């Protein structure tokens, strides 16, 4: 469990602390997929851009006719492998986008549930008055907003 969550006072019970820890874990999972998806997307665009620049400078500008350009492009097996590599990169981006969206949905569902059920997590009036400290800590330490259901 995170040290910040463990240090919460007696106004926050163990079940609430475990839910907060789960929320932090889901947020980190979402952030990890977001970062990986961005890196793969950047890599894909870079690879595609370099391949298109190669085609333009070494095939299009050197070719006399369109038939010769197509023949040169399709006669080289390395071109097929580069196209397949770019296709695999696009597939990985789509897979990570799916995983990122799924992780974001899980994170936001749990966060919204925490906001809706905050009166269950802090049922006593004294605890209810102290919950803002937990909300502030979650916002400051983990960038998780528990004040409102919307982002």
Protein backbone atom coordinates (compact mmCIF):
# COMPACT_ATOMS: atom_id res chain seq x y z
CA UNK A 1 0.00 0.00 0.00
CA UNK A 2 1.14 3.53 -0.75
CA UNK A 3 2.74 5.32 2.24
CA UNK A 4 0.47 8.33 1.73
CA UNK A 5 -2.60 6.13 2.00
CA UNK A 6 -1.23 4.25 5.03
CA UNK A 7 -0.63 7.53 6.85
CA UNK A 8 -4.29 8.53 6.67
CA UNK A 9 -5.78 9.18 10.10
CA UNK A 10 -8.38 7.20 12.04
CA UNK A 11 -11.20 8.87 10.09
CA UNK A 12 -10.46 6.57 7.17
CA UNK A 13 -11.02 2.85 7.73
CA UNK A 14 -9.06 -0.03 6.16
CA UNK A 15 -11.70 -0.82 3.53
CA UNK A 16 -11.61 2.76 2.30
CA UNK A 17 -7.81 2.69 2.24
CA UNK A 18 -7.89 -0.49 0.13
CA UNK A 19 -10.36 1.14 -2.27
CA UNK A 20 -8.11 4.20 -2.54
CA UNK A 21 -5.13 1.93 -3.23
CA UNK A 22 -7.11 0.12 -5.94
CA UNK A 23 -7.98 3.49 -7.45
CA UNK A 24 -4.30 4.48 -7.50
CA UNK A 25 -3.39 1.13 -9.12
CA UNK A 26 -6.01 1.58 -11.85
CA UNK A 27 -4.82 5.14 -12.49
CA UNK A 28 -1.22 3.95 -12.85
CA UNK A 29 -2.29 1.16 -15.20
CA UNK A 30 -4.18 3.68 -17.33
CA UNK A 31 -1.20 6.06 -17.37
CA UNK A 32 1.12 3.22 -18.36
CA UNK A 33 -1.05 2.21 -21.32
CA UNK A 34 -1.41 5.85 -22.32
CA UNK A 35 2.37 6.29 -22.36
CA UNK A 36 3.02 3.04 -24.24
CA UNK A 37 0.34 3.85 -26.83
CA UNK A 38 1.85 7.29 -27.39
CA UNK A 39 5.37 5.84 -27.86
CA UNK A 40 4.16 3.22 -30.34
CA UNK A 41 2.13 5.83 -32.24
CA UNK A 42 5.17 8.10 -32.47
CA UNK A 43 7.35 5.20 -33.61
CA UNK A 44 4.80 4.24 -36.26
CA UNK A 45 4.60 7.77 -37.67
CA UNK A 46 8.38 8.05 -37.70
CA UNK A 47 8.80 4.73 -39.51
CA UNK A 48 6.06 5.55 -42.00
CA UNK A 49 7.51 9.00 -42.63
CA UNK A 50 10.99 7.62 -43.24
CA UNK A 51 9.63 4.94 -45.58
CA UNK A 52 7.61 7.50 -47.56
CA UNK A 53 10.68 9.75 -47.78
CA UNK A 54 12.69 6.78 -49.05
CA UNK A 55 10.04 6.02 -51.67
CA UNK A 56 9.93 9.63 -52.80
CA UNK A 57 13.68 10.23 -53.04
CA UNK A 58 14.93 6.83 -54.19
CA UNK A 59 12.06 5.52 -56.28
CA UNK A 60 9.85 8.37 -57.45
CA UNK A 61 12.59 10.84 -58.35
CA UNK A 62 14.82 8.17 -59.96
CA UNK A 63 12.14 6.44 -62.00
CA UNK A 64 11.53 7.31 -65.62
CA UNK A 65 8.02 5.92 -65.89
CA UNK A 66 5.40 4.67 -63.49
CA UNK A 67 5.89 1.11 -64.72
CA UNK A 68 9.58 1.18 -63.85
CA UNK A 69 8.82 2.66 -60.42
CA UNK A 70 6.30 -0.07 -59.60
CA UNK A 71 8.63 -2.76 -60.93
CA UNK A 72 11.50 -1.47 -58.80
CA UNK A 73 9.29 -1.24 -55.70
CA UNK A 74 7.81 -4.72 -56.04
CA UNK A 75 11.05 -6.41 -57.12
CA UNK A 76 12.74 -5.64 -53.81
CA UNK A 77 11.67 -7.99 -50.96
CA UNK A 78 12.86 -5.52 -48.32
CA UNK A 79 9.94 -3.24 -49.24
CA UNK A 80 7.49 -6.01 -48.37
CA UNK A 81 9.12 -6.50 -44.97
CA UNK A 82 9.06 -2.78 -44.21
CA UNK A 83 5.36 -2.59 -45.12
CA UNK A 84 4.68 -5.61 -42.89
CA UNK A 85 6.66 -4.00 -40.07
CA UNK A 86 4.61 -0.82 -40.36
CA UNK A 87 1.43 -2.94 -40.41
CA UNK A 88 2.53 -4.66 -37.19
CA UNK A 89 3.19 -1.27 -35.61
CA UNK A 90 -0.29 -0.06 -36.58
CA UNK A 91 -1.76 -3.25 -35.12
CA UNK A 92 0.12 -2.70 -31.86
CA UNK A 93 -1.14 0.89 -31.69
CA UNK A 94 -4.73 -0.33 -32.14
CA UNK A 95 -4.25 -3.00 -29.46
CA UNK A 96 -2.77 -0.52 -26.98
CA UNK A 97 -5.52 1.96 -27.77
CA UNK A 98 -8.09 -0.71 -26.90
CA UNK A 99 -6.26 -1.58 -23.67
CA UNK A 100 -5.89 2.11 -22.78
CA UNK A 101 -9.60 2.76 -23.30
CA UNK A 102 -10.50 -0.27 -21.21
CA UNK A 103 -8.16 0.80 -18.38
CA UNK A 104 -9.55 4.34 -18.54
CA UNK A 105 -13.11 3.05 -18.27
CA UNK A 106 -12.23 0.87 -15.27
CA UNK A 107 -10.44 3.76 -13.57
CA UNK A 108 -13.22 6.27 -14.18
CA UNK A 109 -15.93 3.82 -13.11
CA UNK A 110 -14.17 3.20 -9.80
CA UNK A 111 -13.51 6.91 -9.31
CA UNK A 112 -17.16 7.77 -9.97
CA UNK A 113 -18.29 5.04 -7.61
CA UNK A 114 -15.99 6.44 -4.93
CA UNK A 115 -17.49 9.91 -5.42
CA UNK A 116 -21.07 8.60 -5.35
CA UNK A 117 -20.53 6.42 -2.29
CA UNK A 118 -18.39 8.81 -0.28
CA UNK A 119 -21.12 8.99 2.38
CA UNK A 120 -20.73 5.20 2.81
CA UNK A 121 -16.96 5.46 3.16
CA UNK A 122 -17.21 8.26 5.76
CA UNK A 123 -20.55 7.62 7.51
CA UNK A 124 -19.99 9.53 10.76
CA UNK A 125 -20.31 13.33 10.81
CA UNK A 126 -16.80 13.77 12.22
CA UNK A 127 -15.35 11.52 9.49
CA UNK A 128 -17.42 13.31 6.84
CA UNK A 129 -15.85 16.62 7.85
CA UNK A 130 -12.35 15.14 7.58
CA UNK A 131 -12.77 13.52 4.15
CA UNK A 132 -11.56 16.65 2.37
CA UNK A 133 -8.07 15.82 3.68
CA UNK A 134 -8.21 12.49 1.83
CA UNK A 135 -9.51 14.20 -1.31
CA UNK A 136 -6.74 16.80 -1.17
CA UNK A 137 -4.07 14.13 -0.68
CA UNK A 138 -5.39 12.07 -3.60
CA UNK A 139 -5.45 15.13 -5.85
CA UNK A 140 -2.01 16.32 -4.79
CA UNK A 141 -0.14 13.00 -4.69
CA UNK A 142 -1.84 10.94 -7.40
CA UNK A 143 -3.73 13.50 -9.55
CA UNK A 144 -7.07 11.80 -8.82
CA UNK A 145 -10.06 14.09 -8.46
CA UNK A 146 -12.63 12.76 -5.99
CA UNK A 147 -14.59 15.99 -5.63
CA UNK A 148 -16.75 15.57 -8.74
CA UNK A 149 -17.78 12.71 -10.99
CA UNK A 150 -16.70 14.54 -14.11
CA UNK A 151 -13.03 14.80 -14.93
